[in-house]
Protein backbone atom coordinates (compact mmCIF):
# COMPACT_ATOMS: atom_id res chain seq x y z
CA MET A 1 10.09 -6.19 11.10
CA ILE A 2 10.81 -8.73 8.39
CA TRP A 3 8.68 -6.73 5.94
CA LEU A 4 11.04 -3.78 6.33
CA GLY A 5 13.89 -5.98 5.16
CA VAL A 6 11.81 -7.31 2.27
CA ALA A 7 10.80 -3.79 1.21
CA THR A 8 14.39 -2.56 1.43
CA ALA A 9 15.69 -5.52 -0.56
CA ALA A 10 13.04 -5.00 -3.23
CA CYS A 11 13.89 -1.32 -3.53
CA LEU A 12 17.60 -2.03 -3.73
CA ALA A 13 16.98 -4.65 -6.41
CA LEU A 14 14.96 -2.18 -8.49
CA VAL A 15 17.29 0.81 -8.09
CA PRO A 16 19.38 0.00 -11.22
CA PHE A 17 16.24 -0.10 -13.37
CA GLY A 18 15.08 3.22 -11.97
CA ALA A 19 18.51 4.74 -12.55
CA VAL A 20 18.53 3.67 -16.19
CA GLY A 21 15.00 5.00 -16.62
CA ALA A 22 15.92 8.32 -15.04
CA LEU A 23 19.00 8.65 -17.23
CA PHE A 24 17.03 8.05 -20.40
CA SER A 25 13.92 10.04 -19.43
CA PRO A 26 15.17 13.24 -21.16
CA LEU A 27 15.12 11.26 -24.40
CA VAL A 28 11.31 11.26 -24.14
CA PHE A 29 11.34 15.02 -24.65
CA ASP A 30 13.74 15.10 -27.61
CA HIS A 31 11.32 16.74 -30.08
CA GLN A 32 9.53 20.01 -29.50
CA GLY A 33 6.10 18.39 -29.88
CA ASN A 34 6.73 15.88 -27.11
CA ILE A 35 6.77 18.57 -24.43
CA LEU A 36 2.97 18.72 -24.77
CA ASN A 37 2.52 14.94 -24.94
CA PRO A 38 0.63 13.80 -21.81
CA LEU A 39 1.92 10.22 -22.09
CA ALA A 40 5.51 11.49 -22.04
CA TRP A 41 4.77 13.47 -18.87
CA ILE A 42 3.10 10.46 -17.24
CA ALA A 43 6.15 8.30 -18.03
CA PHE A 44 8.46 10.98 -16.63
CA LEU A 45 6.41 11.32 -13.43
CA MET A 46 6.35 7.55 -12.96
CA MET A 47 10.15 7.47 -13.12
CA VAL A 48 10.44 10.32 -10.62
CA LEU A 49 7.88 8.75 -8.27
CA PHE A 50 9.78 5.46 -8.41
CA TRP A 51 12.83 7.16 -6.89
CA ILE A 52 10.72 8.88 -4.25
CA VAL A 53 9.10 5.59 -3.23
CA CYS A 54 12.47 3.83 -3.10
CA LEU A 55 13.96 6.54 -0.91
CA ILE A 56 11.12 6.96 1.59
CA GLY A 57 9.66 3.44 1.48
CA PRO A 58 12.02 1.88 4.04
CA PHE A 59 11.34 4.71 6.50
CA GLY A 60 7.57 4.35 6.27
CA ALA A 61 7.43 0.57 6.53
């Protein structure tokens, strides 16, 4: 039960960093060539997956 509190606290502590990353993620795709850049897509997916983990993590713990 204590791990649920630890996981929730960790997610809440990291939410501001994820929010900033999500806000600035469109800047990765500012040039037309970047839409085909696999590293840009990986960075974008990591930011999206961070939010998914933070939202469902406390329910799965």
